[in-house]
Every structure is written in structure tokens, then in C-alpha cells.
Amino acid sequence: MKKLLIFLAVSLTMALNPENGTYRVVPNNSFQFGEKLDYRVHYGLLNAATATMKISKRIHYQNGRPCYKVDVYGKSVGVFDFITRIRDHWGSYIDTTSIIPHKFYRNIEEGNYRKYEIVEFDHEKDVAITTTLDKVTKKVKEKKENKMADNVQDMVSGYYYLRTIDFSNVEVGQIITVDAFFDKERYDFKVKFLGRETIRTKMGRYNALVIQPVMPDNKLFRGDNAIRAWLSDDLNKIPLKIKAEMFVGAVEIDIKKINGARHQTSSAG
């Protein structure tokens, strides 16, 4: 009987901790199921697009693990919709315990450009399998397997992971490095903590954490300090504003509406 109890206890432990500790544990007290954030994208006073970041209200499962299903939508508006019609949809299934992605997808429609892609992450083997779909038929065109780092992030899950960080323990000027996977490649996503500011939004004034992605040389953004982001300096750490200095001008993304926040948002008055 004693051996049977020990066997059952070990079996239960393994069931509750798959792969015997493969997955890390990241405390999350910032976001929850059902959160929805709406944004305005603009060049100066001219509206260019709308964007929405939405977490499903229910648990989804991938690789036998409970996940947040996050969808990000971008849509051009006004004159920009006539010049370059944009209908982008990004998504990720993010492990509720380890805040790592199990599946990522993006459906990009920008003018005549199309890209449909699915990435499945195997964290036991540390590989990412990228499936590219035909831009017309949406049938499988190519599959490619790439090695990846432990606890890698995709472009969606990485931003939610940043929201779990306790910035009270981060010094001004400190760089946070996150292993990331995008476009079939692994790279270091680096973010510098610049400090704290009070900013004005359509929803009022907020105390904010200021972070700056460290950008490599590219033909889109002006310099390696081209992007800044402001997160609410409260338990939610909601992305309030993003400003990008591009060669075609400055683009700003501002919070317009918050629904389903885990904690009451704290305006600076």
C-alpha cells in the first residue's frame, strides 16, 4: 500500500509538472483573460489606422498546456485606407504559467503584399516549425524547422512578458534582453529602461514606465533609438503609447480605450 501511495504521488506530481520541470514559472499579476485594448495610430493629427489587442475570455490549450489566446488587429482608416489598405492580424497562444508561446500566426495584408504564416513551438526539443501558406490559396507552401533558445518569445508574447517584469528592481539605463524568434530566425530582443514620466492620453494623465527597444540598423526606423514605449506605472503595466521615428515621419500609437483590465487603472489626475 505504501509503494502504491508513493507511485500515485509521483504520478500526480509529473502530471502537474509536465516534462519534469521543462517549463519555467513566471508570476503574472498584470493581465487577465478578457482584457481588450484599443489604440489610435496617427501621423500628427492625421489618423492612419486603428489597432486592437485582445485576450480571449477563456482558456485555450496548445501542446496540452493552458494558454492565453491573444489577437492583435491593425486596420488602416481614412485616406490611408485608399493609399495602402492594411488588414493585419497577429496572434499567439501564450502559456499561462511560463508566458512563452506555443503557437504564433500572422495574416498580413498591406496593399498588394500578402503573408500568411504559422509558427509552432516545441519547447521540449527547442525547435520552431514555421509553416508558410500560399498567398492566394492559403494552402501549405513551405515548412521549415529551426533551432531556438529556451523560453523564446514571439513578437506578441514578448510584449506580454515585459508586462510581468517588476520594474522596481530595474535600474534606469538597464537593458533587458529577451530571446526572440521571428521570420525563421532567433535574435536578442533588447529593451532599455529609461525611467518614469507622466504622460497625457485621451483617457487622462498617467504615470508611466518608459522603455526603448534597441533597434539594429534598418531601412525603416531612424536610428537605434527610434522607438519609445510608455507602460502604465501600476500593476497592469498597460501599453499606453508608442512613438516611432521613421524615415517617412513620426508615427504614434495612443491608447483609446481599456476594457477588462486586471486592476483598476490609476490615472495621475
Protein backbone atom coordinates (compact mmCIF):
# COMPACT_ATOMS: atom_id res chain seq x y z
CA MET A 1 0.00 0.00 0.00
CA LYS A 2 2.83 2.38 0.88
CA LYS A 3 4.51 1.76 -2.50
CA LEU A 4 1.19 2.36 -4.26
CA LEU A 5 0.74 5.71 -2.49
CA ILE A 6 4.28 6.76 -3.42
CA PHE A 7 3.65 5.75 -7.05
CA LEU A 8 0.40 7.75 -7.14
CA ALA A 9 2.08 10.77 -5.56
CA VAL A 10 4.91 10.70 -8.11
CA SER A 11 2.46 10.23 -10.98
CA LEU A 12 0.37 13.18 -9.81
CA THR A 13 3.46 15.37 -9.49
CA MET A 14 4.53 14.51 -13.02
CA ALA A 15 1.03 15.23 -14.33
CA LEU A 16 1.01 18.63 -12.68
CA ASN A 17 4.56 19.38 -13.82
CA PRO A 18 4.91 18.08 -17.38
CA GLU A 19 8.36 17.16 -18.69
CA ASN A 20 9.61 17.25 -15.11
CA GLY A 21 10.29 20.97 -14.92
CA THR A 22 10.70 21.84 -18.59
CA TYR A 23 8.55 24.93 -18.15
CA ARG A 24 9.60 27.88 -16.03
CA VAL A 25 7.17 29.74 -13.77
CA VAL A 26 6.65 33.46 -14.39
CA PRO A 27 4.34 35.23 -11.92
CA ASN A 28 1.76 37.35 -13.74
CA ASN A 29 -0.23 39.95 -11.85
CA SER A 30 -0.67 42.35 -14.78
CA PHE A 31 -3.13 40.97 -17.35
CA GLN A 32 -6.00 38.52 -17.43
CA PHE A 33 -8.49 36.76 -19.67
CA GLY A 34 -10.85 39.20 -21.41
CA GLU A 35 -8.56 42.22 -21.48
CA LYS A 36 -9.07 44.41 -24.56
CA LEU A 37 -7.03 47.46 -25.52
CA ASP A 38 -7.96 49.81 -28.38
CA TYR A 39 -5.49 52.23 -29.98
CA ARG A 40 -5.34 55.12 -32.42
CA VAL A 41 -2.45 55.18 -34.91
CA HIS A 42 -1.65 58.62 -36.33
CA TYR A 43 0.85 60.88 -38.10
CA GLY A 44 0.49 64.13 -36.17
CA LEU A 45 -3.23 64.98 -36.25
CA LEU A 46 -3.93 62.68 -39.21
CA ASN A 47 -5.47 59.32 -38.27
CA ALA A 48 -3.80 56.45 -40.12
CA ALA A 49 -5.15 53.27 -38.52
CA THR A 50 -6.76 51.59 -35.55
CA ALA A 51 -5.30 48.73 -33.55
CA THR A 52 -6.71 46.29 -31.01
CA MET A 53 -5.01 43.87 -28.62
CA LYS A 54 -7.44 41.31 -27.24
CA ILE A 55 -7.06 38.36 -24.85
CA SER A 56 -9.75 35.68 -25.22
CA LYS A 57 -12.13 35.33 -22.28
CA ARG A 58 -11.47 31.59 -21.95
CA ILE A 59 -8.52 29.23 -21.61
CA HIS A 60 -7.19 27.68 -24.81
CA TYR A 61 -4.92 24.65 -24.94
CA GLN A 62 -1.79 24.07 -27.05
CA ASN A 63 0.68 21.24 -26.51
CA GLY A 64 -1.54 20.14 -23.63
CA ARG A 65 -0.86 23.42 -21.82
CA PRO A 66 -3.37 26.12 -20.76
CA CYS A 67 -2.86 29.33 -22.73
CA TYR A 68 -3.96 32.91 -23.17
CA LYS A 69 -5.09 33.37 -26.77
CA VAL A 70 -4.03 36.88 -27.80
CA ASP A 71 -5.10 38.53 -31.06
CA VAL A 72 -3.73 41.80 -32.41
CA TYR A 73 -5.56 43.57 -35.23
CA GLY A 74 -4.44 46.53 -37.33
CA LYS A 75 -6.65 48.33 -39.86
CA SER A 76 -5.96 51.42 -41.96
CA VAL A 77 -8.57 54.19 -41.94
CA GLY A 78 -9.44 57.33 -43.88
CA VAL A 79 -7.18 58.42 -46.72
CA PHE A 80 -4.60 55.80 -45.73
CA ASP A 81 -7.13 53.09 -46.49
CA PHE A 82 -7.23 54.31 -50.09
CA ILE A 83 -3.46 54.71 -50.42
CA THR A 84 -2.38 51.45 -48.74
CA ARG A 85 -5.15 49.22 -47.46
CA ILE A 86 -3.97 47.40 -44.32
CA ARG A 87 -5.71 44.44 -42.69
CA ASP A 88 -3.19 42.78 -40.37
CA HIS A 89 -3.91 40.06 -37.84
CA TRP A 90 -1.26 38.70 -35.47
CA GLY A 91 -1.87 36.12 -32.78
CA SER A 92 -0.22 33.97 -30.14
CA TYR A 93 -1.13 31.20 -27.72
CA ILE A 94 0.80 32.15 -24.57
CA ASP A 95 1.39 29.66 -21.76
CA THR A 96 -0.39 30.91 -18.64
CA THR A 97 2.39 29.68 -16.34
CA SER A 98 5.61 30.32 -18.24
CA ILE A 99 4.45 33.21 -20.51
CA ILE A 100 6.08 31.59 -23.55
CA PRO A 101 4.33 30.99 -26.89
CA HIS A 102 3.16 27.61 -28.12
CA LYS A 103 1.79 28.85 -31.42
CA PHE A 104 2.11 32.10 -33.35
CA TYR A 105 0.38 33.24 -36.52
CA ARG A 106 0.22 36.30 -38.71
CA ASN A 107 -2.01 37.20 -41.63
CA ILE A 108 -0.57 40.28 -43.32
CA GLU A 109 -2.47 42.20 -45.99
CA GLU A 110 -0.85 45.52 -46.85
CA GLY A 111 -1.62 46.91 -50.29
CA ASN A 112 -0.70 44.11 -52.71
CA TYR A 113 1.59 42.42 -50.19
CA ARG A 114 0.39 39.19 -48.55
CA LYS A 115 1.98 36.93 -45.96
CA TYR A 116 0.29 34.07 -44.10
CA GLU A 117 2.39 32.19 -41.58
CA ILE A 118 2.05 29.83 -38.62
CA VAL A 119 4.85 29.05 -36.16
CA GLU A 120 4.57 26.09 -33.77
CA PHE A 121 7.00 25.99 -30.83
CA ASP A 122 8.28 22.70 -29.42
CA HIS A 123 9.86 23.69 -26.12
CA GLU A 124 10.94 20.12 -25.33
CA LYS A 125 13.15 19.94 -28.43
CA ASP A 126 13.83 23.69 -28.62
CA VAL A 127 12.68 23.92 -32.23
CA ALA A 128 10.23 26.18 -34.04
CA ILE A 129 8.35 24.87 -37.07
CA THR A 130 7.34 27.64 -39.47
CA THR A 131 4.59 26.93 -41.99
CA THR A 132 4.22 29.44 -44.82
CA LEU A 133 0.90 29.45 -46.66
CA ASP A 134 0.35 30.33 -50.30
CA LYS A 135 -0.80 33.95 -50.56
CA VAL A 136 -3.66 33.03 -52.92
CA THR A 137 -4.85 29.52 -51.98
CA LYS A 138 -3.66 29.67 -48.33
CA LYS A 139 -2.52 26.05 -48.67
CA VAL A 140 0.80 24.93 -47.22
CA LYS A 141 3.64 26.26 -49.37
CA GLU A 142 6.68 25.58 -47.18
CA LYS A 143 7.61 24.10 -43.81
CA LYS A 144 10.88 24.83 -42.10
CA GLU A 145 12.28 23.74 -38.75
CA ASN A 146 14.70 26.00 -36.84
CA LYS A 147 16.54 25.64 -33.57
CA MET A 148 15.53 28.14 -30.90
CA ALA A 149 16.63 29.20 -27.42
CA ASP A 150 14.95 28.17 -24.18
CA ASN A 151 11.92 30.27 -23.24
CA VAL A 152 11.91 32.05 -26.60
CA GLN A 153 9.31 34.73 -27.33
CA ASP A 154 7.43 35.68 -30.48
CA MET A 155 6.51 39.25 -31.43
CA VAL A 156 3.22 39.15 -29.49
CA SER A 157 4.13 37.16 -26.39
CA GLY A 158 7.28 39.22 -25.88
CA TYR A 159 5.29 42.35 -25.08
CA TYR A 160 3.11 40.50 -22.59
CA TYR A 161 6.21 39.03 -20.98
CA LEU A 162 7.57 42.57 -20.49
CA ARG A 163 4.40 43.37 -18.54
CA THR A 164 5.27 40.70 -15.95
CA ILE A 165 8.60 42.34 -15.08
CA ASP A 166 8.90 44.09 -11.71
CA PHE A 167 10.41 47.41 -12.77
CA SER A 168 11.01 48.42 -9.16
CA ASN A 169 14.03 46.12 -9.39
CA VAL A 170 15.23 47.54 -12.73
CA GLU A 171 17.71 50.43 -12.76
CA VAL A 172 17.45 53.36 -15.18
CA GLY A 173 19.61 52.59 -18.21
CA GLN A 174 19.49 48.83 -17.61
CA ILE A 175 18.94 46.67 -20.69
CA ILE A 176 16.53 43.74 -20.56
CA THR A 177 17.32 41.01 -23.08
CA VAL A 178 14.65 38.60 -24.30
CA ASP A 179 15.30 35.63 -26.59
CA ALA A 180 13.01 36.07 -29.59
CA PHE A 181 12.10 34.21 -32.78
CA PHE A 182 10.79 35.95 -35.89
CA ASP A 183 10.97 35.33 -39.64
CA LYS A 184 12.59 31.92 -39.12
CA GLU A 185 15.44 33.46 -37.12
CA ARG A 186 16.44 33.66 -33.49
CA TYR A 187 17.69 37.02 -32.16
CA ASP A 188 18.15 39.02 -28.96
CA PHE A 189 15.30 41.47 -28.38
CA LYS A 190 16.82 44.19 -26.19
CA VAL A 191 14.86 46.82 -24.30
CA LYS A 192 16.36 49.69 -22.31
CA PHE A 193 14.56 51.08 -19.25
CA LEU A 194 14.66 54.89 -19.46
CA GLY A 195 12.82 55.74 -16.25
CA ARG A 196 9.44 57.22 -15.39
CA GLU A 197 7.33 60.07 -16.82
CA THR A 198 3.81 61.42 -16.60
CA ILE A 199 2.08 61.44 -19.98
CA ARG A 200 -1.24 62.72 -21.27
CA THR A 201 -3.61 60.37 -23.12
CA LYS A 202 -7.16 60.57 -24.38
CA MET A 203 -8.16 58.81 -21.15
CA GLY A 204 -6.31 61.25 -18.90
CA ARG A 205 -2.83 61.66 -17.45
CA TYR A 206 -0.88 58.58 -16.38
CA ASN A 207 2.34 57.86 -14.58
CA ALA A 208 4.30 55.72 -17.00
CA LEU A 209 7.35 53.48 -17.30
CA VAL A 210 9.42 54.44 -20.33
CA ILE A 211 11.15 51.70 -22.32
CA GLN A 212 13.11 51.77 -25.55
CA PRO A 213 13.66 48.81 -27.86
CA VAL A 214 17.26 48.78 -29.08
CA MET A 215 16.98 48.71 -32.87
CA PRO A 216 19.56 47.27 -35.29
CA ASP A 217 20.42 49.20 -38.46
CA ASN A 218 17.44 49.10 -40.80
CA LYS A 219 15.78 50.99 -43.64
CA LEU A 220 12.53 51.69 -41.78
CA PHE A 221 13.36 53.39 -38.47
CA ARG A 222 15.57 56.44 -37.95
CA GLY A 223 18.46 55.34 -35.71
CA ASP A 224 18.82 52.73 -32.96
CA ASN A 225 16.78 54.86 -30.52
CA ALA A 226 13.87 55.31 -32.91
CA ILE A 227 11.14 53.70 -30.80
CA ARG A 228 9.87 54.52 -27.33
CA ALA A 229 7.01 52.93 -25.43
CA TRP A 230 5.17 54.01 -22.29
CA LEU A 231 3.61 51.42 -19.94
CA SER A 232 1.26 52.38 -17.12
CA ASP A 233 3.26 52.58 -13.89
CA ASP A 234 0.82 50.44 -11.94
CA LEU A 235 0.05 46.75 -11.54
CA ASN A 236 -1.44 46.50 -15.06
CA LYS A 237 1.59 47.85 -16.98
CA ILE A 238 -0.73 48.57 -19.92
CA PRO A 239 1.00 49.87 -23.09
CA LEU A 240 -0.27 53.45 -23.22
CA LYS A 241 1.74 54.94 -26.05
CA ILE A 242 4.35 54.03 -28.67
CA LYS A 243 6.25 56.58 -30.72
CA ALA A 244 8.38 55.58 -33.69
CA GLU A 245 10.71 57.90 -35.59
CA MET A 246 10.63 56.62 -39.16
CA PHE A 247 12.31 57.95 -42.28
CA VAL A 248 8.84 58.94 -43.55
CA GLY A 249 8.00 60.79 -40.32
CA ALA A 250 6.94 60.11 -36.73
CA VAL A 251 4.18 57.58 -36.11
CA GLU A 252 2.36 57.47 -32.77
CA ILE A 253 0.11 54.81 -31.27
CA ASP A 254 -2.07 56.05 -28.39
CA ILE A 255 -4.42 54.21 -26.06
CA LYS A 256 -8.05 54.95 -26.78
CA LYS A 257 -9.98 52.51 -24.63
CA ILE A 258 -9.29 49.93 -21.90
CA ASN A 259 -11.65 47.07 -21.11
CA GLY A 260 -11.21 44.13 -18.75
CA ALA A 261 -8.04 45.35 -17.02
CA ARG A 262 -6.96 43.11 -14.16
CA HIS A 263 -6.68 46.04 -11.75
CA GLN A 264 -8.28 49.46 -11.63
CA THR A 265 -6.25 51.80 -13.85
CA SER A 266 -4.57 54.58 -11.88
CA SER A 267 -4.74 57.96 -13.59
CA ALA A 268 -2.32 60.66 -12.48
CA GLY A 269 -5.24 63.13 -12.37
